[in-house]
């Protein structure tokens, strides 16, 4: 049967929940520098850039679940990546309905 995965509150303490205006997405293709294509939960494929504050602190690769904030203009095509979710956060987001339309 295997071991049951236990998620403690300490592991979830840095969990960032999407607020209105932010969407969750899956990284589809890494273009280099700080640009990526992200398939978002609202159905759009956006060209996103990695926010400067997390650029060298968090490594993002294809298939990762990320938090995206669409730009004020070009909402359907551009966005900024605010956060990358680890696996235990992805499971929690799925259980609580924050991830609906993504194929992971």
PDB file of N, CA and C in Angstrom:
ATOM      1  N   UNK A   1       0.806  -1.190   0.000  1.00  0.00           N
ATOM      2  CA  UNK A   1       0.000   0.000   0.000  1.00  0.00           C
ATOM      3  C   UNK A   1       0.856   1.264   0.000  1.00  0.00           C
ATOM      4  N   UNK A   2       1.946   1.237   0.698  1.00  0.00           N
ATOM      5  CA  UNK A   2       2.815   2.399   0.724  1.00  0.00           C
ATOM      6  C   UNK A   2       2.476   3.342   1.858  1.00  0.00           C
ATOM      7  N   UNK A   3       3.320   4.324   2.015  1.00  0.00           N
ATOM      8  CA  UNK A   3       3.111   5.296   3.081  1.00  0.00           C
ATOM      9  C   UNK A   3       2.108   6.351   2.651  1.00  0.00           C
ATOM     10  N   UNK A   4       1.344   6.813   3.610  1.00  0.00           N
ATOM     11  CA  UNK A   4       0.401   7.891   3.357  1.00  0.00           C
ATOM     12  C   UNK A   4       1.148   9.215   3.423  1.00  0.00           C
ATOM     13  N   UNK A   5       0.902  10.081   2.437  1.00  0.00           N
ATOM     14  CA  UNK A   5       1.579  11.366   2.390  1.00  0.00           C
ATOM     15  C   UNK A   5       0.902  12.314   3.384  1.00  0.00           C
ATOM     16  N   UNK A   6       1.660  12.801   4.335  1.00  0.00           N
ATOM     17  CA  UNK A   6       1.129  13.705   5.347  1.00  0.00           C
ATOM     18  C   UNK A   6       1.594  15.114   5.020  1.00  0.00           C
ATOM     19  N   UNK A   7       0.634  16.021   4.930  1.00  0.00           N
ATOM     20  CA  UNK A   7       0.961  17.417   4.675  1.00  0.00           C
ATOM     21  C   UNK A   7       0.797  18.174   5.988  1.00  0.00           C
ATOM     22  N   UNK A   8       1.892  18.719   6.495  1.00  0.00           N
ATOM     23  CA  UNK A   8       1.823  19.465   7.741  1.00  0.00           C
ATOM     24  C   UNK A   8       1.572  20.940   7.453  1.00  0.00           C
ATOM     25  N   UNK A   9       1.160  21.657   8.476  1.00  0.00           N
ATOM     26  CA  UNK A   9       0.901  23.087   8.313  1.00  0.00           C
ATOM     27  C   UNK A   9       2.182  23.851   8.013  1.00  0.00           C
ATOM     28  N   UNK A  10       3.331  23.352   8.489  1.00  0.00           N
ATOM     29  CA  UNK A  10       4.597  24.032   8.212  1.00  0.00           C
ATOM     30  C   UNK A  10       4.907  24.020   6.723  1.00  0.00           C
ATOM     31  N   UNK A  11       4.570  22.909   6.042  1.00  0.00           N
ATOM     32  CA  UNK A  11       4.819  22.826   4.612  1.00  0.00           C
ATOM     33  C   UNK A  11       3.901  23.744   3.832  1.00  0.00           C
ATOM     34  N   UNK A  12       2.713  24.021   4.358  1.00  0.00           N
ATOM     35  CA  UNK A  12       1.749  24.852   3.661  1.00  0.00           C
ATOM     36  C   UNK A  12       1.819  26.322   4.066  1.00  0.00           C
ATOM     37  N   UNK A  13       2.781  26.671   4.931  1.00  0.00           N
ATOM     38  CA  UNK A  13       2.784  28.039   5.449  1.00  0.00           C
ATOM     39  C   UNK A  13       3.057  29.078   4.364  1.00  0.00           C
ATOM     40  N   UNK A  14       3.778  28.725   3.309  1.00  0.00           N
ATOM     41  CA  UNK A  14       4.067  29.678   2.242  1.00  0.00           C
ATOM     42  C   UNK A  14       3.092  29.565   1.079  1.00  0.00           C
ATOM     43  N   UNK A  15       1.962  28.894   1.289  1.00  0.00           N
ATOM     44  CA  UNK A  15       0.977  28.712   0.228  1.00  0.00           C
ATOM     45  C   UNK A  15       0.358  30.052  -0.149  1.00  0.00           C
ATOM     46  N   UNK A  16       0.423  30.377  -1.428  1.00  0.00           N
ATOM     47  CA  UNK A  16      -0.170  31.610  -1.926  1.00  0.00           C
ATOM     48  C   UNK A  16      -1.415  31.228  -2.707  1.00  0.00           C
ATOM     49  N   UNK A  17      -2.569  31.687  -2.251  1.00  0.00           N
ATOM     50  CA  UNK A  17      -3.841  31.368  -2.891  1.00  0.00           C
ATOM     51  C   UNK A  17      -4.147  32.438  -3.936  1.00  0.00           C
ATOM     52  N   UNK A  18      -4.590  32.026  -5.137  1.00  0.00           N
ATOM     53  CA  UNK A  18      -4.903  33.021  -6.170  1.00  0.00           C
ATOM     54  C   UNK A  18      -6.054  33.934  -5.740  1.00  0.00           C
ATOM     55  N   UNK A  19      -5.847  35.229  -5.919  1.00  0.00           N
ATOM     56  CA  UNK A  19      -6.900  36.202  -5.642  1.00  0.00           C
ATOM     57  C   UNK A  19      -7.586  36.544  -6.962  1.00  0.00           C
ATOM     58  N   UNK A  20      -8.733  37.207  -6.922  1.00  0.00           N
ATOM     59  CA  UNK A  20      -9.376  37.599  -8.187  1.00  0.00           C
ATOM     60  C   UNK A  20      -8.417  38.410  -9.064  1.00  0.00           C
ATOM     61  N   UNK A  21      -8.348  38.048 -10.328  1.00  0.00           N
ATOM     62  CA  UNK A  21      -7.423  38.690 -11.248  1.00  0.00           C
ATOM     63  C   UNK A  21      -6.168  37.874 -11.488  1.00  0.00           C
ATOM     64  N   UNK A  22      -5.963  36.805 -10.718  1.00  0.00           N
ATOM     65  CA  UNK A  22      -4.824  35.917 -10.907  1.00  0.00           C
ATOM     66  C   UNK A  22      -5.337  34.540 -11.316  1.00  0.00           C
ATOM     67  N   UNK A  23      -4.559  33.816 -12.120  1.00  0.00           N
ATOM     68  CA  UNK A  23      -4.947  32.486 -12.563  1.00  0.00           C
ATOM     69  C   UNK A  23      -3.795  31.511 -12.355  1.00  0.00           C
ATOM     70  N   UNK A  24      -4.145  30.236 -12.280  1.00  0.00           N
ATOM     71  CA  UNK A  24      -3.160  29.167 -12.146  1.00  0.00           C
ATOM     72  C   UNK A  24      -2.921  28.585 -13.533  1.00  0.00           C
ATOM     73  N   UNK A  25      -1.682  28.205 -13.828  1.00  0.00           N
ATOM     74  CA  UNK A  25      -1.371  27.660 -15.144  1.00  0.00           C
ATOM     75  C   UNK A  25      -0.255  26.639 -15.101  1.00  0.00           C
ATOM     76  N   UNK A  26      -0.079  25.938 -16.230  1.00  0.00           N
ATOM     77  CA  UNK A  26       0.982  24.948 -16.393  1.00  0.00           C
ATOM     78  C   UNK A  26       1.976  25.475 -17.412  1.00  0.00           C
ATOM     79  N   UNK A  27       3.266  25.411 -17.095  1.00  0.00           N
ATOM     80  CA  UNK A  27       4.303  25.861 -18.016  1.00  0.00           C
ATOM     81  C   UNK A  27       4.381  24.861 -19.171  1.00  0.00           C
ATOM     82  N   UNK A  28       4.190  25.350 -20.392  1.00  0.00           N
ATOM     83  CA  UNK A  28       4.230  24.478 -21.564  1.00  0.00           C
ATOM     84  C   UNK A  28       5.583  24.485 -22.248  1.00  0.00           C
ATOM     85  N   UNK A  29       6.194  25.659 -22.373  1.00  0.00           N
ATOM     86  CA  UNK A  29       7.469  25.730 -23.076  1.00  0.00           C
ATOM     87  C   UNK A  29       8.308  26.854 -22.493  1.00  0.00           C
ATOM     88  N   UNK A  30       9.574  26.558 -22.254  1.00  0.00           N
ATOM     89  CA  UNK A  30      10.514  27.552 -21.763  1.00  0.00           C
ATOM     90  C   UNK A  30      11.235  28.154 -22.956  1.00  0.00           C
ATOM     91  N   UNK A  31      11.165  29.471 -23.113  1.00  0.00           N
ATOM     92  CA  UNK A  31      11.741  30.136 -24.272  1.00  0.00           C
ATOM     93  C   UNK A  31      13.132  30.694 -24.030  1.00  0.00           C
ATOM     94  N   UNK A  32      13.580  30.684 -22.805  1.00  0.00           N
ATOM     95  CA  UNK A  32      14.888  31.243 -22.488  1.00  0.00           C
ATOM     96  C   UNK A  32      14.747  32.596 -21.839  1.00  0.00           C
ATOM     97  N   UNK A  33      15.855  33.085 -21.309  1.00  0.00           N
ATOM     98  CA  UNK A  33      15.888  34.325 -20.556  1.00  0.00           C
ATOM     99  C   UNK A  33      14.884  34.220 -19.414  1.00  0.00           C
ATOM    100  N   UNK A  34      13.814  34.980 -19.426  1.00  0.00           N
ATOM    101  CA  UNK A  34      12.804  34.874 -18.369  1.00  0.00           C
ATOM    102  C   UNK A  34      11.405  34.739 -18.969  1.00  0.00           C
ATOM    103  N   UNK A  35      11.301  34.171 -20.164  1.00  0.00           N
ATOM    104  CA  UNK A  35      10.019  34.069 -20.851  1.00  0.00           C
ATOM    105  C   UNK A  35       9.594  32.612 -21.004  1.00  0.00           C
ATOM    106  N   UNK A  36       8.274  32.368 -20.830  1.00  0.00           N
ATOM    107  CA  UNK A  36       7.705  31.025 -20.931  1.00  0.00           C
ATOM    108  C   UNK A  36       6.305  31.110 -21.529  1.00  0.00           C
ATOM    109  N   UNK A  37       5.874  30.005 -22.128  1.00  0.00           N
ATOM    110  CA  UNK A  37       4.472  29.869 -22.515  1.00  0.00           C
ATOM    111  C   UNK A  37       3.763  29.116 -21.410  1.00  0.00           C
ATOM    112  N   UNK A  38       2.630  29.665 -20.948  1.00  0.00           N
ATOM    113  CA  UNK A  38       1.868  29.060 -19.863  1.00  0.00           C
ATOM    114  C   UNK A  38       0.436  28.846 -20.332  1.00  0.00           C
ATOM    115  N   UNK A  39      -0.068  27.595 -20.171  1.00  0.00           N
ATOM    116  CA  UNK A  39      -1.476  27.281 -20.448  1.00  0.00           C
ATOM    117  C   UNK A  39      -2.234  27.547 -19.151  1.00  0.00           C
ATOM    118  N   UNK A  40      -3.087  28.587 -19.163  1.00  0.00           N
ATOM    119  CA  UNK A  40      -3.767  29.026 -17.954  1.00  0.00           C
ATOM    120  C   UNK A  40      -5.109  28.317 -17.774  1.00  0.00           C
ATOM    121  N   UNK A  41      -5.594  28.344 -16.543  1.00  0.00           N
ATOM    122  CA  UNK A  41      -6.837  27.693 -16.165  1.00  0.00           C
ATOM    123  C   UNK A  41      -8.054  28.310 -16.861  1.00  0.00           C
ATOM    124  N   UNK A  42      -7.947  29.559 -17.292  1.00  0.00           N
ATOM    125  CA  UNK A  42      -9.068  30.213 -17.967  1.00  0.00           C
ATOM    126  C   UNK A  42      -9.095  29.935 -19.470  1.00  0.00           C
ATOM    127  N   UNK A  43      -8.180  29.058 -19.953  1.00  0.00           N
ATOM    128  CA  UNK A  43      -8.204  28.622 -21.342  1.00  0.00           C
ATOM    129  C   UNK A  43      -7.260  29.330 -22.286  1.00  0.00           C
ATOM    130  N   UNK A  44      -6.549  30.331 -21.846  1.00  0.00           N
ATOM    131  CA  UNK A  44      -5.639  31.079 -22.712  1.00  0.00           C
ATOM    132  C   UNK A  44      -4.216  30.541 -22.619  1.00  0.00           C
ATOM    133  N   UNK A  45      -3.482  30.645 -23.716  1.00  0.00           N
ATOM    134  CA  UNK A  45      -2.044  30.375 -23.739  1.00  0.00           C
ATOM    135  C   UNK A  45      -1.357  31.731 -23.702  1.00  0.00           C
ATOM    136  N   UNK A  46      -0.631  31.993 -22.634  1.00  0.00           N
ATOM    137  CA  UNK A  46      -0.023  33.305 -22.442  1.00  0.00           C
ATOM    138  C   UNK A  46       1.497  33.221 -22.520  1.00  0.00           C
ATOM    139  N   UNK A  47       2.099  34.258 -23.089  1.00  0.00           N
ATOM    140  CA  UNK A  47       3.537  34.447 -23.031  1.00  0.00           C
ATOM    141  C   UNK A  47       3.801  35.198 -21.732  1.00  0.00           C
ATOM    142  N   UNK A  48       4.485  34.549 -20.807  1.00  0.00           N
ATOM    143  CA  UNK A  48       4.685  35.135 -19.479  1.00  0.00           C
ATOM    144  C   UNK A  48       6.163  35.358 -19.214  1.00  0.00           C
ATOM    145  N   UNK A  49       6.413  36.309 -18.354  1.00  0.00           N
ATOM    146  CA  UNK A  49       7.773  36.568 -17.905  1.00  0.00           C
ATOM    147  C   UNK A  49       7.840  36.256 -16.417  1.00  0.00           C
ATOM    148  N   UNK A  50       9.028  35.869 -15.957  1.00  0.00           N
ATOM    149  CA  UNK A  50       9.221  35.573 -14.543  1.00  0.00           C
ATOM    150  C   UNK A  50       9.489  36.877 -13.816  1.00  0.00           C
ATOM    151  N   UNK A  51       8.747  37.111 -12.773  1.00  0.00           N
ATOM    152  CA  UNK A  51       8.899  38.316 -11.969  1.00  0.00           C
ATOM    153  C   UNK A  51      10.323  38.398 -11.426  1.00  0.00           C
ATOM    154  N   UNK A  52      10.888  39.590 -11.432  1.00  0.00           N
ATOM    155  CA  UNK A  52      12.276  39.792 -11.040  1.00  0.00           C
ATOM    156  C   UNK A  52      12.596  39.371  -9.630  1.00  0.00           C
ATOM    157  N   UNK A  53      11.640  39.490  -8.711  1.00  0.00           N
ATOM    158  CA  UNK A  53      11.873  39.151  -7.314  1.00  0.00           C
ATOM    159  C   UNK A  53      12.135  37.657  -7.118  1.00  0.00           C
ATOM    160  N   UNK A  54      11.532  36.804  -7.986  1.00  0.00           N
ATOM    161  CA  UNK A  54      11.711  35.362  -7.846  1.00  0.00           C
ATOM    162  C   UNK A  54      12.612  34.774  -8.927  1.00  0.00           C
ATOM    163  N   UNK A  55      13.119  35.592  -9.807  1.00  0.00           N
ATOM    164  CA  UNK A  55      13.856  35.125 -10.983  1.00  0.00           C
ATOM    165  C   UNK A  55      15.019  34.205 -10.632  1.00  0.00           C
ATOM    166  N   UNK A  56      15.816  34.533  -9.657  1.00  0.00           N
ATOM    167  CA  UNK A  56      16.983  33.717  -9.314  1.00  0.00           C
ATOM    168  C   UNK A  56      16.788  32.899  -8.039  1.00  0.00           C
ATOM    169  N   UNK A  57      15.623  32.993  -7.424  1.00  0.00           N
ATOM    170  CA  UNK A  57      15.359  32.243  -6.199  1.00  0.00           C
ATOM    171  C   UNK A  57      14.602  30.942  -6.458  1.00  0.00           C
ATOM    172  N   UNK A  58      13.727  30.949  -7.455  1.00  0.00           N
ATOM    173  CA  UNK A  58      12.895  29.787  -7.743  1.00  0.00           C
ATOM    174  C   UNK A  58      13.169  29.338  -9.164  1.00  0.00           C
ATOM    175  N   UNK A  59      13.493  28.066  -9.345  1.00  0.00           N
ATOM    176  CA  UNK A  59      13.742  27.514 -10.667  1.00  0.00           C
ATOM    177  C   UNK A  59      12.445  26.958 -11.223  1.00  0.00           C
ATOM    178  N   UNK A  60      12.094  27.365 -12.425  1.00  0.00           N
ATOM    179  CA  UNK A  60      10.851  26.936 -13.062  1.00  0.00           C
ATOM    180  C   UNK A  60      11.198  26.118 -14.293  1.00  0.00           C
ATOM    181  N   UNK A  61      10.509  24.975 -14.466  1.00  0.00           N
ATOM    182  CA  UNK A  61      10.736  24.124 -15.629  1.00  0.00           C
ATOM    183  C   UNK A  61       9.394  23.744 -16.250  1.00  0.00           C
ATOM    184  N   UNK A  62       9.431  23.117 -17.411  1.00  0.00           N
ATOM    185  CA  UNK A  62       8.211  22.721 -18.106  1.00  0.00           C
ATOM    186  C   UNK A  62       7.420  21.732 -17.254  1.00  0.00           C
ATOM    187  N   UNK A  63       6.097  21.914 -17.226  1.00  0.00           N
ATOM    188  CA  UNK A  63       5.216  21.048 -16.446  1.00  0.00           C
ATOM    189  C   UNK A  63       4.925  21.558 -15.049  1.00  0.00           C
ATOM    190  N   UNK A  64       5.601  22.608 -14.600  1.00  0.00           N
ATOM    191  CA  UNK A  64       5.355  23.166 -13.271  1.00  0.00           C
ATOM    192  C   UNK A  64       4.037  23.934 -13.243  1.00  0.00           C
ATOM    193  N   UNK A  65       3.402  23.944 -12.079  1.00  0.00           N
ATOM    194  CA  UNK A  65       2.188  24.721 -11.862  1.00  0.00           C
ATOM    195  C   UNK A  65       2.604  26.071 -11.293  1.00  0.00           C
ATOM    196  N   UNK A  66       2.138  27.152 -11.923  1.00  0.00           N
ATOM    197  CA  UNK A  66       2.544  28.498 -11.534  1.00  0.00           C
ATOM    198  C   UNK A  66       1.324  29.404 -11.353  1.00  0.00           C
ATOM    199  N   UNK A  67       1.530  30.472 -10.617  1.00  0.00           N
ATOM    200  CA  UNK A  67       0.515  31.502 -10.435  1.00  0.00           C
ATOM    201  C   UNK A  67       0.832  32.646 -11.394  1.00  0.00           C
ATOM    202  N   UNK A  68      -0.159  33.011 -12.218  1.00  0.00           N
ATOM    203  CA  UNK A  68       0.040  34.024 -13.256  1.00  0.00           C
ATOM    204  C   UNK A  68      -0.886  35.202 -13.006  1.00  0.00           C
ATOM    205  N   UNK A  69      -0.335  36.398 -13.181  1.00  0.00           N
ATOM    206  CA  UNK A  69      -1.154  37.604 -13.144  1.00  0.00           C
ATOM    207  C   UNK A  69      -1.174  38.191 -14.555  1.00  0.00           C
ATOM    208  N   UNK A  70      -2.340  38.143 -15.240  1.00  0.00           N
ATOM    209  CA  UNK A  70      -2.418  38.723 -16.589  1.00  0.00           C
ATOM    210  C   UNK A  70      -2.153  40.221 -16.540  1.00  0.00           C
ATOM    211  N   UNK A  71      -1.548  40.721 -17.613  1.00  0.00           N
ATOM    212  CA  UNK A  71      -1.286  42.154 -17.694  1.00  0.00           C
ATOM    213  C   UNK A  71      -2.594  42.921 -17.853  1.00  0.00           C
ATOM    214  N   UNK A  72      -2.565  44.200 -17.502  1.00  0.00           N
ATOM    215  CA  UNK A  72      -3.757  45.052 -17.638  1.00  0.00           C
ATOM    216  C   UNK A  72      -4.184  45.171 -19.094  1.00  0.00           C
ATOM    217  N   UNK A  73      -3.229  45.325 -19.990  1.00  0.00           N
ATOM    218  CA  UNK A  73      -3.511  45.313 -21.420  1.00  0.00           C
ATOM    219  C   UNK A  73      -3.016  43.970 -21.940  1.00  0.00           C
ATOM    220  N   UNK A  74      -3.531  43.498 -23.031  1.00  0.00           N
ATOM    221  CA  UNK A  74      -3.198  42.190 -23.596  1.00  0.00           C
ATOM    222  C   UNK A  74      -3.447  41.064 -22.590  1.00  0.00           C
ATOM    223  N   UNK A  75      -4.612  41.103 -21.921  1.00  0.00           N
ATOM    224  CA  UNK A  75      -4.929  40.117 -20.885  1.00  0.00           C
ATOM    225  C   UNK A  75      -4.912  38.686 -21.388  1.00  0.00           C
ATOM    226  N   UNK A  76      -5.294  38.485 -22.652  1.00  0.00           N
ATOM    227  CA  UNK A  76      -5.399  37.128 -23.186  1.00  0.00           C
ATOM    228  C   UNK A  76      -4.058  36.563 -23.656  1.00  0.00           C
ATOM    229  N   UNK A  77      -3.055  37.415 -23.850  1.00  0.00           N
ATOM    230  CA  UNK A  77      -1.808  36.932 -24.446  1.00  0.00           C
ATOM    231  C   UNK A  77      -0.567  37.095 -23.572  1.00  0.00           C
ATOM    232  N   UNK A  78      -0.589  37.945 -22.572  1.00  0.00           N
ATOM    233  CA  UNK A  78       0.615  38.220 -21.767  1.00  0.00           C
ATOM    234  C   UNK A  78       0.318  38.129 -20.276  1.00  0.00           C
ATOM    235  N   UNK A  79       1.357  37.841 -19.496  1.00  0.00           N
ATOM    236  CA  UNK A  79       1.208  37.777 -18.055  1.00  0.00           C
ATOM    237  C   UNK A  79       2.548  37.743 -17.352  1.00  0.00           C
ATOM    238  N   UNK A  80       2.492  37.790 -16.029  1.00  0.00           N
ATOM    239  CA  UNK A  80       3.676  37.740 -15.186  1.00  0.00           C
ATOM    240  C   UNK A  80       3.539  36.557 -14.231  1.00  0.00           C
ATOM    241  N   UNK A  81       4.593  35.751 -14.106  1.00  0.00           N
ATOM    242  CA  UNK A  81       4.582  34.623 -13.181  1.00  0.00           C
ATOM    243  C   UNK A  81       4.959  35.142 -11.802  1.00  0.00           C
ATOM    244  N   UNK A  82       4.072  34.901 -10.832  1.00  0.00           N
ATOM    245  CA  UNK A  82       4.294  35.378  -9.480  1.00  0.00           C
ATOM    246  C   UNK A  82       4.844  34.316  -8.540  1.00  0.00           C
ATOM    247  N   UNK A  83       4.529  33.017  -8.814  1.00  0.00           N
ATOM    248  CA  UNK A  83       4.902  31.964  -7.881  1.00  0.00           C
ATOM    249  C   UNK A  83       4.880  30.616  -8.568  1.00  0.00           C
ATOM    250  N   UNK A  84       5.732  29.684  -8.127  1.00  0.00           N
ATOM    251  CA  UNK A  84       5.697  28.292  -8.571  1.00  0.00           C
ATOM    252  C   UNK A  84       5.265  27.441  -7.386  1.00  0.00           C
ATOM    253  N   UNK A  85       4.259  26.594  -7.612  1.00  0.00           N
ATOM    254  CA  UNK A  85       3.738  25.755  -6.541  1.00  0.00           C
ATOM    255  C   UNK A  85       4.479  24.431  -6.467  1.00  0.00           C
ATOM    256  N   UNK A  86       4.933  24.013  -5.259  1.00  0.00           N
ATOM    257  CA  UNK A  86       5.486  22.669  -5.091  1.00  0.00           C
ATOM    258  C   UNK A  86       4.359  21.626  -5.135  1.00  0.00           C
ATOM    259  N   UNK A  87       4.719  20.346  -5.197  1.00  0.00           N
ATOM    260  CA  UNK A  87       3.735  19.276  -5.375  1.00  0.00           C
ATOM    261  C   UNK A  87       2.672  19.236  -4.275  1.00  0.00           C
ATOM    262  N   UNK A  88       3.072  19.420  -3.017  1.00  0.00           N
ATOM    263  CA  UNK A  88       2.074  19.346  -1.939  1.00  0.00           C
ATOM    264  C   UNK A  88       1.078  20.499  -2.026  1.00  0.00           C
ATOM    265  N   UNK A  89       1.484  21.648  -2.510  1.00  0.00           N
ATOM    266  CA  UNK A  89       0.557  22.767  -2.689  1.00  0.00           C
ATOM    267  C   UNK A  89      -0.393  22.502  -3.846  1.00  0.00           C
ATOM    268  N   UNK A  90       0.098  21.841  -4.913  1.00  0.00           N
ATOM    269  CA  UNK A  90      -0.744  21.525  -6.065  1.00  0.00           C
ATOM    270  C   UNK A  90      -1.873  20.599  -5.635  1.00  0.00           C
ATOM    271  N   UNK A  91      -1.552  19.579  -4.833  1.00  0.00           N
ATOM    272  CA  UNK A  91      -2.581  18.663  -4.338  1.00  0.00           C
ATOM    273  C   UNK A  91      -3.629  19.413  -3.528  1.00  0.00           C
ATOM    274  N   UNK A  92      -3.205  20.330  -2.665  1.00  0.00           N
ATOM    275  CA  UNK A  92      -4.132  21.098  -1.843  1.00  0.00           C
ATOM    276  C   UNK A  92      -5.021  21.992  -2.718  1.00  0.00           C
ATOM    277  N   UNK A  93      -4.433  22.637  -3.724  1.00  0.00           N
ATOM    278  CA  UNK A  93      -5.200  23.497  -4.626  1.00  0.00           C
ATOM    279  C   UNK A  93      -6.236  22.700  -5.412  1.00  0.00           C
ATOM    280  N   UNK A  94      -5.883  21.466  -5.823  1.00  0.00           N
ATOM    281  CA  UNK A  94      -6.836  20.609  -6.534  1.00  0.00           C
ATOM    282  C   UNK A  94      -8.008  20.245  -5.635  1.00  0.00           C
ATOM    283  N   UNK A  95      -7.700  19.829  -4.397  1.00  0.00           N
ATOM    284  CA  UNK A  95      -8.751  19.414  -3.464  1.00  0.00           C
ATOM    285  C   UNK A  95      -9.718  20.543  -3.149  1.00  0.00           C
ATOM    286  N   UNK A  96      -9.224  21.764  -3.108  1.00  0.00           N
ATOM    287  CA  UNK A  96     -10.054  22.901  -2.717  1.00  0.00           C
ATOM    288  C   UNK A  96     -10.619  23.683  -3.899  1.00  0.00           C
ATOM    289  N   UNK A  97     -10.457  23.174  -5.112  1.00  0.00           N
ATOM    290  CA  UNK A  97     -11.125  23.743  -6.280  1.00  0.00           C
ATOM    291  C   UNK A  97     -10.456  24.929  -6.935  1.00  0.00           C
ATOM    292  N   UNK A  98      -9.197  25.193  -6.640  1.00  0.00           N
ATOM    293  CA  UNK A  98      -8.502  26.303  -7.284  1.00  0.00           C
ATOM    294  C   UNK A  98      -7.965  25.919  -8.655  1.00  0.00           C
ATOM    295  N   UNK A  99      -7.742  24.612  -8.881  1.00  0.00           N
ATOM    296  CA  UNK A  99      -7.303  24.107 -10.178  1.00  0.00           C
ATOM    297  C   UNK A  99      -8.442  23.275 -10.738  1.00  0.00           C
ATOM    298  N   UNK A 100      -9.005  23.735 -11.867  1.00  0.00           N
ATOM    299  CA  UNK A 100     -10.171  23.051 -12.428  1.00  0.00           C
ATOM    300  C   UNK A 100      -9.912  22.477 -13.809  1.00  0.00           C
ATOM    301  N   UNK A 101      -9.453  23.283 -14.744  1.00  0.00           N
ATOM    302  CA  UNK A 101      -9.397  22.911 -16.150  1.00  0.00           C
ATOM    303  C   UNK A 101      -8.012  22.539 -16.644  1.00  0.00           C
ATOM    304  N   UNK A 102      -7.060  22.337 -15.767  1.00  0.00           N
ATOM    305  CA  UNK A 102      -5.686  22.076 -16.207  1.00  0.00           C
ATOM    306  C   UNK A 102      -5.433  20.583 -16.342  1.00  0.00           C
ATOM    307  N   UNK A 103      -4.687  20.218 -17.391  1.00  0.00           N
ATOM    308  CA  UNK A 103      -4.224  18.835 -17.548  1.00  0.00           C
ATOM    309  C   UNK A 103      -2.781  18.788 -17.076  1.00  0.00           C
ATOM    310  N   UNK A 104      -2.568  18.132 -15.974  1.00  0.00           N
ATOM    311  CA  UNK A 104      -1.236  18.100 -15.359  1.00  0.00           C
ATOM    312  C   UNK A 104      -0.588  16.757 -15.643  1.00  0.00           C
TER     313      UNK A 104
END
